[in-house]
Amino acid sequence: MGLGSYFKAEPAPPLPADPPPRRPSHRPSISLHAPHDEKVPPAAVMELHPPGPKFTAGPPSIAVSSKSSASGFLDDIKHEVMVNYLYQQQCSMLWVGDGSGEIEGVLLRKTRGQYMACPPQLGQSPFAVACTALNVQCAMTVNSRVIKTFLQWSPDAVDVPLMNGLRVQILPTVNDLPRARKHQFAAFIASDGLLVVWDDDALNLMARAKIIESELMELVWNSGQAMDEEEGEGGEDAEYEIDEESGEIKPEARPVHLQNSVLVSLTLLLVVASLGAAWRQIAIEIAIDGSYVRLGLVALFPIQVFFSLFFAQVIVGCLAQIFGPIRQLTINSKFFSARPPRRLQSAVLPHITIQCPVYKEGLNAVILPTVKSIKQAMSTYELQGGSANMFINDDGLQLISEEERDARIEFYADNSIGWVARPKHGEDGFVRKGKFKKASNMNFGLMISCKVEERLQLIKRPADWSQSDEALAYEQALKEVLEENGRAWADGNIRVGDYILLIDSDTRVPTDCILDSVSEMEQSPDVGIMQFSSGVMQVVHTYFENGITFFTDLIYTAIRYTVSNGDVAPFCRPQRYPSMVCHSAGCLPG
């Protein structure tokens, strides 16, 4: 028995059918239609229309039509219950100052650009306008004495430190909220002494606010004790060699291991010995019968070497792992990193771009879990002081159905994902090169991004140039590039940062992995590509899948063992082995 059965006696009047929206060909737009005879619930429904996808050439428009009256009525009840519940929890935690609703309260998004507010008057506040521009799923203010006291005693602070080295941004006013680092999911407003938290799931909103407040209190209360403990443990930190001229920490000395050279020599020795035994047998037979026809088997020598090298290497490698040393797997060498680097402590960390190629994978089954995993890692990195953006190269956007296309574009917009889609193979002479076509897909996306950067470099920026000016200049440059190309579709932030993290559409990454990767690259200026050791993601755990997983893990283990022995690291398929690529100028030697 569902919730809908309670409302069958009084169904809402049907809505008049709207004429189908016309589809402009230049860019997708958002069309939100509210029911004309819908009653306004106690929690005010605020309808603010942010600009749709800014400069997208080619894809059809998105028309979000009104649902049936019954479905819309249930949706209103669901959102009203949730927004009132969150406001009730907010009041029970004493996180509301005056209750006027001018800036304090809860916002919950119904559709893009349409929010439900509690108290109702919050819907017309600058806070609501800022949250709509930021395009968050739900947001809440926290007004507590702990936060006010900290902000009053730190008027010049630019961020608030938390536990484990995390930092939450401080914004001057609520009007600066649209330019906040969205993936931090929180921001302090200095002018009002408030904490603003937002989340993709309304059920996580209260927990996030509690964690930030409790960690702030714990950090302040234990700050003196922590300093005393650090002074008492002064000799336990790792020692680093300091450059006397620059004052910076010298890069770690990475030795070249020669174990792999020994193993390769033993492999060749085994191959030569086995082939020599075969030749010896041929010589004995020739000596007996005097026939030299058997010498023709010598011509097969290259083929025999080609096929026997792998098996000989497997035998030698297995014996080496059983009886040989394995210490090289636990230390850093020229091509292998077993220990995490010293983390960067600078105030400004490099900007990271996560580039991901997709095709016709399912949005909810494949792309959504990957984006969720990446956003958690991006959130951690932004809380550590860095910045990141996600760049998707969608090779199936111009091939899938209109409904799936609209859902993907809406999903990218809701998650602040920049994307580029190229035309299908053979359209107007366009050729998608390659076998799997992932590399050419990513190169096409990078080509559009580079053309945008070339136009931005031509702009002269005065001294009073602001982030808003930069955003407007970027939008204009992207529009010009798309109009010039004529076939590409793109939207969102497609600019590339200092480093590019290459992943696949079904990749899962650890929550705290980006800072270690950036630190490794920054402390190794001669490294251009760093590839991560990955595992196998299982879904159904069947007999066949378990067998494939076991075989794949053996390959990963063999690669790690060989590289740690001193072999040159192979640049394997980056879509299956996540890789960090240096993009900033001067990062590659020569």
Protein backbone atom coordinates (compact mmCIF):
# COMPACT_ATOMS: atom_id res chain seq x y z
CA MET A 1 0.00 0.00 0.00
CA GLY A 2 1.77 3.12 -1.21
CA LEU A 3 1.51 6.73 -0.34
CA GLY A 4 -0.52 7.39 -3.47
CA SER A 5 -3.51 5.37 -2.18
CA TYR A 6 -4.29 8.05 0.39
CA PHE A 7 -5.02 10.58 -2.33
CA LYS A 8 -7.08 8.52 -4.77
CA ALA A 9 -10.37 9.93 -3.48
CA GLU A 10 -9.46 13.49 -4.40
CA PRO A 11 -7.26 13.45 -7.47
CA ALA A 12 -5.88 16.76 -8.57
CA PRO A 13 -7.46 18.24 -11.70
CA PRO A 14 -5.64 17.35 -14.90
CA LEU A 15 -3.30 19.86 -16.39
CA PRO A 16 -3.90 21.34 -19.83
CA ALA A 17 -1.58 19.85 -22.38
CA ASP A 18 1.22 22.20 -23.22
CA PRO A 19 2.28 22.47 -26.85
CA PRO A 20 5.51 20.64 -27.57
CA PRO A 21 8.49 22.95 -27.13
CA ARG A 22 10.34 23.95 -30.22
CA ARG A 23 13.89 22.70 -30.37
CA PRO A 24 16.51 25.29 -31.23
CA SER A 25 19.51 23.83 -32.90
CA HIS A 26 22.18 26.06 -31.42
CA ARG A 27 22.29 24.89 -27.79
CA PRO A 28 20.29 23.00 -25.14
CA SER A 29 18.06 25.04 -22.88
CA ILE A 30 16.00 24.34 -19.80
CA SER A 31 12.24 24.82 -19.89
CA LEU A 32 10.48 24.48 -16.55
CA HIS A 33 6.65 24.47 -16.55
CA ALA A 34 4.84 24.69 -13.25
CA PRO A 35 1.18 23.64 -12.97
CA HIS A 36 -1.15 26.64 -13.18
CA ASP A 37 -3.64 25.40 -10.63
CA GLU A 38 -1.17 23.87 -8.20
CA LYS A 39 -1.64 24.95 -4.61
CA VAL A 40 1.35 26.47 -2.86
CA PRO A 41 2.31 24.38 0.20
CA PRO A 42 3.27 25.97 3.50
CA ALA A 43 6.93 25.65 2.61
CA ALA A 44 7.28 28.14 -0.20
CA VAL A 45 8.14 26.94 -3.65
CA MET A 46 10.73 29.25 -5.12
CA GLU A 47 11.19 29.20 -8.86
CA LEU A 48 14.46 30.78 -9.86
CA HIS A 49 15.79 30.23 -13.34
CA PRO A 50 19.55 30.09 -13.57
CA PRO A 51 21.10 30.27 -17.00
CA GLY A 52 20.94 26.93 -18.76
CA PRO A 53 23.90 25.27 -20.46
CA LYS A 54 25.84 28.28 -21.61
CA PHE A 55 27.33 27.79 -25.01
CA THR A 56 26.55 24.44 -26.54
CA ALA A 57 26.42 23.97 -30.27
CA GLY A 58 24.35 21.25 -31.75
CA PRO A 59 22.42 19.19 -29.19
CA PRO A 60 18.67 19.54 -28.98
CA SER A 61 16.97 21.34 -26.16
CA ILE A 62 15.86 19.83 -22.88
CA ALA A 63 12.16 20.18 -22.16
CA VAL A 64 11.23 19.28 -18.61
CA SER A 65 7.46 19.06 -18.94
CA SER A 66 4.97 18.94 -16.10
CA LYS A 67 4.25 15.53 -14.70
CA SER A 68 0.82 14.21 -14.14
CA SER A 69 -1.12 15.90 -11.36
CA ALA A 70 -0.99 12.89 -9.06
CA SER A 71 2.73 12.39 -9.50
CA GLY A 72 3.41 16.10 -9.04
CA PHE A 73 1.23 16.16 -5.93
CA LEU A 74 3.16 13.27 -4.38
CA ASP A 75 6.44 14.91 -5.34
CA ASP A 76 5.37 18.11 -3.60
CA ILE A 77 4.48 16.21 -0.44
CA LYS A 78 7.78 14.36 -0.46
CA HIS A 79 9.82 17.54 -0.75
CA GLU A 80 7.64 19.43 1.74
CA VAL A 81 8.02 16.70 4.34
CA MET A 82 11.77 16.60 3.87
CA VAL A 83 12.32 20.36 3.96
CA ASN A 84 10.17 20.70 7.08
CA TYR A 85 11.96 17.79 8.72
CA LEU A 86 15.35 19.37 8.03
CA TYR A 87 14.16 22.69 9.40
CA GLN A 88 12.81 20.94 12.48
CA GLN A 89 16.20 19.29 13.01
CA GLN A 90 17.88 22.63 12.45
CA CYS A 91 15.76 24.27 15.14
CA SER A 92 16.29 21.37 17.57
CA MET A 93 20.06 21.85 17.25
CA LEU A 94 19.61 25.59 17.98
CA TRP A 95 21.16 26.48 14.64
CA VAL A 96 18.59 29.23 13.92
CA GLY A 97 19.22 32.70 15.28
CA ASP A 98 16.09 34.82 14.86
CA GLY A 99 13.89 32.63 12.67
CA SER A 100 12.99 35.53 10.40
CA GLY A 101 13.89 33.51 7.33
CA GLU A 102 15.80 36.36 5.74
CA ILE A 103 18.97 34.29 5.48
CA GLU A 104 18.62 31.26 7.79
CA GLY A 105 16.76 28.11 6.91
CA VAL A 106 16.72 25.12 4.55
CA LEU A 107 16.47 24.89 0.76
CA LEU A 108 15.59 21.72 -1.15
CA ARG A 109 15.63 21.49 -4.93
CA LYS A 110 12.63 20.02 -6.71
CA THR A 111 13.88 20.49 -10.24
CA ARG A 112 16.67 22.54 -11.69
CA GLY A 113 16.00 26.16 -10.80
CA GLN A 114 13.01 25.39 -8.56
CA TYR A 115 13.54 25.14 -4.80
CA MET A 116 11.33 24.60 -1.78
CA ALA A 117 12.24 26.80 1.18
CA CYS A 118 11.53 26.66 4.88
CA PRO A 119 10.77 29.22 6.29
CA PRO A 120 8.80 30.30 3.20
CA GLN A 121 10.24 33.81 3.14
CA LEU A 122 13.71 32.35 2.66
CA GLY A 123 12.77 31.74 -0.98
CA GLN A 124 13.22 35.41 -1.83
CA SER A 125 16.50 35.91 0.07
CA PRO A 126 19.97 36.47 -1.40
CA PHE A 127 20.91 33.11 0.12
CA ALA A 128 18.35 31.36 -2.08
CA VAL A 129 19.54 33.20 -5.18
CA ALA A 130 23.15 32.23 -4.42
CA CYS A 131 22.25 28.56 -3.86
CA THR A 132 20.34 28.50 -7.13
CA ALA A 133 23.35 29.88 -8.98
CA LEU A 134 25.56 27.30 -7.27
CA ASN A 135 23.01 24.64 -8.34
CA VAL A 136 23.08 22.54 -5.16
CA GLN A 137 20.62 19.78 -4.33
CA CYS A 138 19.94 20.96 -0.78
CA ALA A 139 21.47 23.59 1.50
CA MET A 140 21.16 24.67 5.12
CA THR A 141 22.55 27.41 7.32
CA VAL A 142 24.15 26.80 10.71
CA ASN A 143 24.12 29.64 13.24
CA SER A 144 25.94 28.58 16.39
CA ARG A 145 28.01 30.33 19.02
CA VAL A 146 30.99 28.11 18.27
CA ILE A 147 31.12 29.30 14.68
CA LYS A 148 30.46 32.95 15.50
CA THR A 149 33.16 32.97 18.19
CA PHE A 150 35.75 31.44 15.90
CA LEU A 151 35.01 33.88 13.06
CA GLN A 152 35.11 36.86 15.42
CA TRP A 153 38.53 35.88 16.73
CA SER A 154 39.87 35.16 13.21
CA PRO A 155 38.72 38.12 11.09
CA ASP A 156 41.50 37.77 8.51
CA ALA A 157 41.30 34.00 8.03
CA VAL A 158 40.63 32.65 4.55
CA ASP A 159 39.70 29.14 5.68
CA VAL A 160 38.81 27.22 8.83
CA PRO A 161 41.10 24.28 9.71
CA LEU A 162 39.55 20.97 10.67
CA MET A 163 40.94 17.59 11.67
CA ASN A 164 43.26 15.58 9.38
CA GLY A 165 44.50 18.68 7.61
CA LEU A 166 41.16 19.59 6.02
CA ARG A 167 40.12 23.20 5.57
CA VAL A 168 36.73 24.78 4.87
CA GLN A 169 36.57 27.98 2.84
CA ILE A 170 35.53 31.36 4.26
CA LEU A 171 33.58 33.72 1.98
CA PRO A 172 33.17 37.44 2.68
CA THR A 173 29.43 37.60 1.99
CA VAL A 174 26.61 35.34 0.87
CA ASN A 175 26.79 36.95 -2.57
CA ASP A 176 30.16 35.24 -3.06
CA LEU A 177 28.60 31.80 -2.62
CA PRO A 178 28.12 31.12 -6.38
CA ARG A 179 31.92 31.31 -6.78
CA ALA A 180 32.60 28.91 -3.91
CA ARG A 181 34.38 25.61 -4.30
CA LYS A 182 31.32 23.49 -4.71
CA HIS A 183 32.92 20.16 -3.88
CA GLN A 184 33.86 21.33 -0.39
CA PHE A 185 30.11 21.10 0.37
CA ALA A 186 30.47 23.82 3.00
CA ALA A 187 31.45 27.46 3.37
CA PHE A 188 31.63 29.97 6.22
CA ILE A 189 30.04 33.39 5.63
CA ALA A 190 32.18 35.94 7.46
CA SER A 191 29.76 38.88 7.28
CA ASP A 192 26.88 36.93 8.86
CA GLY A 193 28.85 34.53 11.06
CA LEU A 194 27.16 31.52 9.48
CA LEU A 195 28.11 28.13 8.17
CA VAL A 196 26.42 27.03 4.94
CA VAL A 197 26.42 23.31 4.16
CA TRP A 198 25.05 21.57 1.11
CA ASP A 199 24.95 18.01 -0.15
CA ASP A 200 23.73 15.82 -2.97
CA ASP A 201 21.59 13.83 -0.52
CA ALA A 202 19.28 15.63 1.89
CA LEU A 203 19.68 12.86 4.48
CA ASN A 204 23.41 13.64 4.78
CA LEU A 205 22.92 17.35 5.43
CA MET A 206 22.58 17.24 9.21
CA ALA A 207 25.45 14.77 9.61
CA ARG A 208 27.78 16.98 7.56
CA ALA A 209 26.96 20.06 9.63
CA LYS A 210 27.45 18.16 12.90
CA ILE A 211 30.81 16.81 11.80
CA ILE A 212 32.13 20.25 10.84
CA GLU A 213 30.98 21.85 14.10
CA SER A 214 32.31 19.04 16.28
CA GLU A 215 35.68 18.92 14.51
CA LEU A 216 36.01 22.68 14.80
CA MET A 217 35.30 22.50 18.53
CA GLU A 218 37.68 19.58 19.01
CA LEU A 219 40.45 21.32 17.12
CA VAL A 220 40.13 24.54 19.13
CA TRP A 221 39.89 22.75 22.48
CA ASN A 222 42.84 20.43 21.86
CA SER A 223 45.06 22.91 20.05
CA GLY A 224 47.29 23.60 23.05
CA GLN A 225 47.64 19.94 23.94
CA ALA A 226 48.46 19.06 20.35
CA MET A 227 51.28 21.62 20.26
CA ASP A 228 52.78 20.18 23.45
CA GLU A 229 52.59 16.67 22.02
CA GLU A 230 54.32 17.78 18.82
CA GLU A 231 57.12 19.36 20.83
CA GLY A 232 57.55 16.16 22.82
CA GLU A 233 57.68 14.07 19.63
CA GLY A 234 60.07 16.34 17.81
CA GLY A 235 62.56 13.61 16.90
CA GLU A 236 60.07 11.17 15.45
CA ASP A 237 59.32 12.98 12.19
CA ALA A 238 60.99 11.84 9.02
CA GLU A 239 64.18 13.69 8.17
CA TYR A 240 64.50 15.47 4.85
CA GLU A 241 67.57 16.90 3.22
CA ILE A 242 67.34 20.67 2.72
CA ASP A 243 68.95 22.49 -0.17
CA GLU A 244 71.19 25.20 1.29
CA GLU A 245 70.74 27.59 -1.63
CA SER A 246 66.99 27.39 -2.25
CA GLY A 247 65.93 26.27 1.22
CA GLU A 248 63.62 23.68 -0.31
CA ILE A 249 63.54 19.98 0.42
CA LYS A 250 65.70 18.03 -2.01
CA PRO A 251 64.00 15.33 -4.06
CA GLU A 252 64.31 11.86 -2.65
CA ALA A 253 67.22 9.82 -3.98
CA ARG A 254 65.76 6.91 -5.93
CA PRO A 255 68.21 4.09 -6.67
CA VAL A 256 68.19 2.00 -9.82
CA HIS A 257 67.54 -1.65 -8.99
CA LEU A 258 69.34 -4.29 -11.00
CA GLN A 259 67.42 -7.38 -9.91
CA ASN A 260 65.50 -7.40 -13.16
CA SER A 261 68.75 -7.47 -15.14
CA VAL A 262 69.78 -10.59 -13.25
CA LEU A 263 66.42 -12.25 -13.84
CA VAL A 264 66.50 -11.43 -17.56
CA SER A 265 70.01 -12.91 -17.77
CA LEU A 266 68.81 -16.09 -16.11
CA THR A 267 65.86 -16.21 -18.49
CA LEU A 268 68.13 -15.96 -21.53
CA LEU A 269 70.45 -18.56 -20.02
CA LEU A 270 67.53 -20.95 -19.63
CA VAL A 271 66.39 -20.36 -23.22
CA VAL A 272 69.90 -20.84 -24.62
CA ALA A 273 70.37 -23.98 -22.54
CA SER A 274 67.11 -25.54 -23.73
CA LEU A 275 67.77 -24.70 -27.38
CA GLY A 276 71.37 -25.85 -27.05
CA ALA A 277 70.18 -29.21 -25.78
CA ALA A 278 67.97 -29.53 -28.84
CA TRP A 279 70.84 -28.65 -31.18
CA ARG A 280 73.04 -31.18 -29.40
CA GLN A 281 70.48 -33.87 -30.14
CA ILE A 282 70.44 -32.84 -33.82
CA ALA A 283 74.26 -33.08 -33.97
CA ILE A 284 74.20 -36.57 -32.43
CA GLU A 285 71.65 -37.79 -35.00
CA ILE A 286 73.64 -36.30 -37.88
CA ALA A 287 76.78 -38.04 -36.62
CA ILE A 288 74.97 -41.37 -36.59
CA ASP A 289 73.26 -41.41 -40.03
CA GLY A 290 75.30 -38.73 -41.85
CA SER A 291 72.20 -36.88 -43.11
CA TYR A 292 72.33 -33.06 -42.94
CA VAL A 293 68.66 -32.54 -43.70
CA ARG A 294 67.97 -32.01 -40.00
CA LEU A 295 69.97 -28.76 -40.10
CA GLY A 296 66.87 -27.22 -41.60
CA LEU A 297 65.40 -27.21 -38.09
CA VAL A 298 67.93 -24.52 -37.19
CA ALA A 299 65.86 -22.10 -39.27
CA LEU A 300 63.14 -22.38 -36.63
CA PHE A 301 65.49 -20.91 -34.02
CA PRO A 302 63.95 -17.36 -34.00
CA ILE A 303 60.44 -18.77 -33.68
CA GLN A 304 61.50 -21.08 -30.85
CA VAL A 305 63.10 -18.17 -29.00
CA PHE A 306 59.99 -16.05 -29.46
CA PHE A 307 57.67 -18.67 -27.95
CA SER A 308 59.99 -19.94 -25.23
CA LEU A 309 60.99 -16.55 -23.76
CA PHE A 310 57.65 -16.04 -22.03
CA PHE A 311 57.58 -19.47 -20.41
CA ALA A 312 61.19 -19.18 -19.33
CA GLN A 313 60.50 -15.75 -17.80
CA VAL A 314 57.49 -17.13 -15.92
CA ILE A 315 59.59 -19.95 -14.48
CA VAL A 316 62.41 -17.64 -13.42
CA GLY A 317 60.01 -15.03 -12.06
CA CYS A 318 58.05 -17.52 -9.97
CA LEU A 319 61.24 -18.99 -8.50
CA ALA A 320 62.53 -15.48 -7.77
CA GLN A 321 59.33 -14.56 -5.92
CA ILE A 322 59.53 -17.76 -3.89
CA PHE A 323 63.22 -17.78 -2.98
CA GLY A 324 64.47 -14.29 -3.90
CA PRO A 325 64.40 -10.96 -2.05
CA ILE A 326 61.18 -8.90 -1.92
CA ARG A 327 62.43 -5.82 -0.08
CA GLN A 328 62.34 -3.83 -3.33
CA LEU A 329 58.54 -3.96 -3.18
CA THR A 330 58.56 -1.84 -0.01
CA ILE A 331 60.97 0.95 -0.99
CA ASN A 332 61.00 3.68 -3.61
CA SER A 333 63.15 3.28 -6.69
CA LYS A 334 63.57 5.06 -10.01
CA PHE A 335 60.45 3.62 -11.62
CA PHE A 336 58.51 2.38 -8.58
CA SER A 337 56.93 4.10 -5.57
CA ALA A 338 55.99 1.92 -2.63
CA ARG A 339 55.88 4.61 0.06
CA PRO A 340 53.64 7.69 -0.04
CA PRO A 341 55.44 11.00 -0.54
CA ARG A 342 55.66 13.88 1.88
CA ARG A 343 52.40 15.74 1.41
CA LEU A 344 52.44 19.28 0.11
CA GLN A 345 51.77 21.91 2.74
CA SER A 346 51.50 24.96 0.51
CA ALA A 347 48.46 27.22 0.69
CA VAL A 348 47.72 26.82 -3.03
CA LEU A 349 47.73 23.33 -4.49
CA PRO A 350 47.80 22.49 -8.21
CA HIS A 351 44.54 22.29 -10.10
CA ILE A 352 43.54 18.77 -11.15
CA THR A 353 41.36 17.78 -14.09
CA ILE A 354 39.76 14.34 -14.05
CA GLN A 355 39.28 13.27 -17.66
CA CYS A 356 36.91 10.38 -18.34
CA PRO A 357 35.81 8.94 -21.71
CA VAL A 358 32.31 7.47 -21.91
CA TYR A 359 30.33 5.87 -24.70
CA LYS A 360 26.90 4.25 -24.42
CA GLU A 361 27.23 3.03 -20.83
CA GLY A 362 24.18 3.27 -18.63
CA LEU A 363 23.86 6.53 -16.74
CA ASN A 364 22.60 5.07 -13.45
CA ALA A 365 24.42 1.74 -13.62
CA VAL A 366 27.90 2.87 -14.73
CA ILE A 367 28.43 6.63 -14.97
CA LEU A 368 26.65 7.67 -11.76
CA PRO A 369 28.71 5.43 -9.39
CA THR A 370 31.92 6.59 -11.06
CA VAL A 371 31.00 10.26 -10.70
CA LYS A 372 30.03 9.68 -7.07
CA SER A 373 33.41 8.11 -6.34
CA ILE A 374 35.28 10.89 -8.13
CA LYS A 375 33.30 13.63 -6.36
CA GLN A 376 34.26 12.19 -2.98
CA ALA A 377 37.92 12.35 -3.95
CA MET A 378 37.48 15.87 -5.35
CA SER A 379 35.75 16.95 -2.15
CA THR A 380 38.63 15.69 -0.02
CA TYR A 381 41.19 17.41 -2.24
CA GLU A 382 39.33 20.73 -2.17
CA LEU A 383 39.03 20.50 1.61
CA GLN A 384 42.80 20.03 1.67
CA GLY A 385 43.23 23.30 -0.21
CA GLY A 386 43.26 22.18 -3.83
CA SER A 387 40.86 22.57 -6.71
CA ALA A 388 39.58 20.10 -9.28
CA ASN A 389 37.13 19.78 -12.13
CA MET A 390 35.73 16.80 -14.00
CA PHE A 391 35.95 16.65 -17.79
CA ILE A 392 33.90 13.97 -19.56
CA ASN A 393 34.42 13.11 -23.23
CA ASP A 394 31.05 11.67 -24.19
CA ASP A 395 31.33 9.71 -27.42
CA GLY A 396 27.77 8.44 -27.26
CA LEU A 397 25.86 11.66 -26.65
CA GLN A 398 25.17 12.22 -30.34
CA LEU A 399 24.25 8.55 -30.85
CA ILE A 400 21.82 7.72 -28.03
CA SER A 401 18.12 8.50 -27.91
CA GLU A 402 16.81 11.96 -27.13
CA GLU A 403 15.53 10.92 -23.70
CA GLU A 404 18.88 9.45 -22.67
CA ARG A 405 20.70 12.47 -24.10
CA ASP A 406 18.57 14.88 -22.09
CA ALA A 407 19.13 12.86 -18.93
CA ARG A 408 22.90 12.90 -19.43
CA ILE A 409 23.08 16.63 -20.11
CA GLU A 410 20.95 17.34 -17.05
CA PHE A 411 23.14 15.04 -14.97
CA TYR A 412 26.31 16.79 -16.12
CA ALA A 413 24.83 20.19 -15.31
CA ASP A 414 23.66 19.12 -11.84
CA ASN A 415 27.11 17.79 -10.96
CA SER A 416 29.10 20.70 -12.47
CA ILE A 417 30.76 18.45 -15.05
CA GLY A 418 32.26 19.86 -18.21
CA TRP A 419 31.79 17.71 -21.28
CA VAL A 420 32.57 17.52 -24.99
CA ALA A 421 30.79 15.30 -27.52
CA ARG A 422 32.02 14.72 -31.06
CA PRO A 423 29.87 13.75 -34.06
CA LYS A 424 29.23 10.16 -35.00
CA HIS A 425 31.46 8.24 -37.36
CA GLY A 426 30.91 9.12 -41.02
CA GLU A 427 28.78 12.22 -40.42
CA ASP A 428 29.83 14.92 -42.90
CA GLY A 429 33.06 13.03 -43.52
CA PHE A 430 34.07 12.91 -39.84
CA VAL A 431 36.21 9.87 -38.97
CA ARG A 432 36.51 8.39 -35.50
CA LYS A 433 39.98 6.87 -35.66
CA GLY A 434 41.26 3.94 -33.65
CA LYS A 435 40.09 0.48 -32.69
CA PHE A 436 38.38 1.24 -29.37
CA LYS A 437 38.33 4.98 -30.22
CA LYS A 438 38.81 6.09 -26.61
CA ALA A 439 42.14 7.78 -27.27
CA SER A 440 40.79 9.69 -30.27
CA ASN A 441 37.73 10.65 -28.21
CA MET A 442 39.92 12.13 -25.47
CA ASN A 443 42.17 13.85 -27.98
CA PHE A 444 39.12 15.50 -29.57
CA GLY A 445 38.03 16.83 -26.18
CA LEU A 446 41.52 18.13 -25.45
CA MET A 447 41.60 19.79 -28.87
CA ILE A 448 38.45 21.80 -28.05
CA SER A 449 39.89 22.69 -24.65
CA CYS A 450 43.19 23.85 -26.17
CA LYS A 451 41.42 26.04 -28.70
CA VAL A 452 39.49 27.70 -25.88
CA GLU A 453 42.75 28.31 -24.00
CA GLU A 454 44.31 29.84 -27.10
CA ARG A 455 41.50 32.37 -27.31
CA LEU A 456 41.73 33.14 -23.61
CA GLN A 457 45.45 33.85 -23.89
CA LEU A 458 44.71 36.63 -26.35
CA ILE A 459 42.64 38.53 -23.76
CA LYS A 460 44.38 41.36 -21.94
CA ARG A 461 43.50 41.26 -18.26
CA PRO A 462 43.64 44.57 -16.36
CA ALA A 463 44.55 44.88 -12.70
CA ASP A 464 40.92 44.79 -11.56
CA TRP A 465 40.17 41.54 -13.43
CA SER A 466 37.85 39.37 -11.34
CA GLN A 467 36.59 35.79 -11.37
CA SER A 468 33.34 36.98 -12.91
CA ASP A 469 35.24 38.59 -15.77
CA GLU A 470 37.21 35.39 -16.28
CA ALA A 471 34.02 33.33 -16.34
CA LEU A 472 32.42 35.62 -18.93
CA ALA A 473 35.55 35.55 -21.06
CA TYR A 474 35.62 31.75 -20.90
CA GLU A 475 31.98 31.47 -21.92
CA GLN A 476 32.53 33.73 -24.89
CA ALA A 477 35.65 31.81 -25.95
CA LEU A 478 33.85 28.47 -25.72
CA LYS A 479 30.95 29.83 -27.78
CA GLU A 480 33.29 31.06 -30.50
CA VAL A 481 35.19 27.76 -30.64
CA LEU A 482 31.99 25.72 -30.94
CA GLU A 483 30.62 27.99 -33.64
CA GLU A 484 33.88 27.73 -35.54
CA ASN A 485 33.96 23.92 -35.27
CA GLY A 486 30.28 23.53 -36.07
CA ARG A 487 30.05 19.83 -35.16
CA ALA A 488 31.22 19.58 -31.56
CA TRP A 489 28.90 19.85 -28.56
CA ALA A 490 30.26 21.10 -25.25
CA ASP A 491 29.22 22.74 -22.03
CA GLY A 492 30.56 23.42 -18.56
CA ASN A 493 34.16 23.84 -17.49
CA ILE A 494 36.38 22.03 -19.99
CA ARG A 495 39.61 23.82 -19.06
CA VAL A 496 42.52 21.57 -18.12
CA GLY A 497 44.55 22.09 -14.95
CA ASP A 498 48.18 21.42 -14.05
CA TYR A 499 47.68 17.66 -13.95
CA ILE A 500 45.23 15.31 -15.68
CA LEU A 501 43.92 12.20 -13.95
CA LEU A 502 42.87 9.69 -16.60
CA ILE A 503 40.14 7.26 -15.58
CA ASP A 504 37.54 5.06 -17.22
CA SER A 505 33.77 5.22 -17.00
CA ASP A 506 33.68 2.38 -14.43
CA THR A 507 36.61 3.43 -12.24
CA ARG A 508 36.50 3.69 -8.44
CA VAL A 509 39.14 5.72 -6.64
CA PRO A 510 40.02 6.07 -2.93
CA THR A 511 38.59 9.09 -1.15
CA ASP A 512 41.99 10.53 -0.23
CA CYS A 513 44.21 9.85 -3.24
CA ILE A 514 44.59 13.07 -5.23
CA LEU A 515 46.86 14.92 -2.78
CA ASP A 516 49.32 12.02 -2.60
CA SER A 517 49.40 11.86 -6.40
CA VAL A 518 49.98 15.59 -6.74
CA SER A 519 52.69 15.52 -4.06
CA GLU A 520 54.45 12.69 -5.88
CA MET A 521 54.40 14.58 -9.16
CA GLU A 522 55.47 17.88 -7.62
CA GLN A 523 58.44 16.25 -5.86
CA SER A 524 59.49 14.40 -9.01
CA PRO A 525 59.95 17.14 -11.62
CA ASP A 526 61.44 14.70 -14.14
CA VAL A 527 58.32 12.50 -14.15
CA GLY A 528 55.72 13.09 -16.85
CA ILE A 529 53.34 10.16 -16.29
CA MET A 530 52.54 8.27 -13.11
CA GLN A 531 50.38 5.16 -13.37
CA PHE A 532 48.57 3.68 -10.39
CA SER A 533 48.44 0.06 -9.40
CA SER A 534 44.80 -0.91 -9.67
CA GLY A 535 42.58 -3.82 -8.78
CA VAL A 536 39.58 -5.54 -10.30
CA MET A 537 36.05 -4.38 -9.55
CA GLN A 538 33.72 -7.36 -9.24
CA VAL A 539 29.97 -7.06 -9.67
CA VAL A 540 28.25 -10.44 -9.64
CA HIS A 541 31.02 -12.66 -8.14
CA THR A 542 30.23 -15.60 -10.38
CA TYR A 543 32.62 -18.47 -11.08
CA PHE A 544 33.68 -17.02 -14.42
CA GLU A 545 34.16 -13.51 -12.97
CA ASN A 546 36.20 -14.88 -10.08
CA GLY A 547 38.45 -16.69 -12.56
CA ILE A 548 38.99 -13.57 -14.64
CA THR A 549 39.69 -11.59 -11.45
CA PHE A 550 42.30 -14.11 -10.32
CA PHE A 551 44.03 -14.02 -13.71
CA THR A 552 43.98 -10.21 -13.85
CA ASP A 553 45.39 -9.91 -10.31
CA LEU A 554 48.27 -12.17 -11.36
CA ILE A 555 49.07 -9.77 -14.20
CA TYR A 556 48.93 -6.74 -11.89
CA THR A 557 51.21 -8.49 -9.38
CA ALA A 558 53.69 -9.43 -12.10
CA ILE A 559 53.83 -5.82 -13.33
CA ARG A 560 54.44 -4.47 -9.82
CA TYR A 561 57.13 -7.05 -9.12
CA THR A 562 58.94 -6.49 -12.42
CA VAL A 563 58.92 -2.68 -12.13
CA SER A 564 60.11 -2.80 -8.52
CA ASN A 565 63.04 -4.97 -9.69
CA GLY A 566 64.21 -2.13 -11.95
CA ASP A 567 62.36 -2.67 -15.20
CA VAL A 568 61.10 0.42 -17.03
CA ALA A 569 57.48 1.12 -16.07
CA PRO A 570 55.10 0.36 -18.96
CA PHE A 571 52.43 2.91 -19.80
CA CYS A 572 49.50 0.52 -19.94
CA ARG A 573 46.02 1.37 -21.11
CA PRO A 574 45.16 4.39 -18.93
CA GLN A 575 41.43 3.66 -19.02
CA ARG A 576 42.10 0.44 -17.10
CA TYR A 577 45.08 1.69 -15.10
CA PRO A 578 44.34 5.21 -13.79
CA SER A 579 47.19 7.57 -14.64
CA MET A 580 48.31 11.05 -13.64
CA VAL A 581 49.69 13.06 -16.56
CA CYS A 582 51.60 16.30 -16.17
CA HIS A 583 50.04 19.06 -18.25
CA SER A 584 51.57 22.29 -17.00
CA ALA A 585 54.33 23.92 -19.01
CA GLY A 586 57.85 22.83 -18.17
CA CYS A 587 56.92 19.64 -16.36
CA LEU A 588 58.55 17.41 -18.96
CA PRO A 589 62.31 17.54 -19.51
CA GLY A 590 63.45 18.95 -22.82
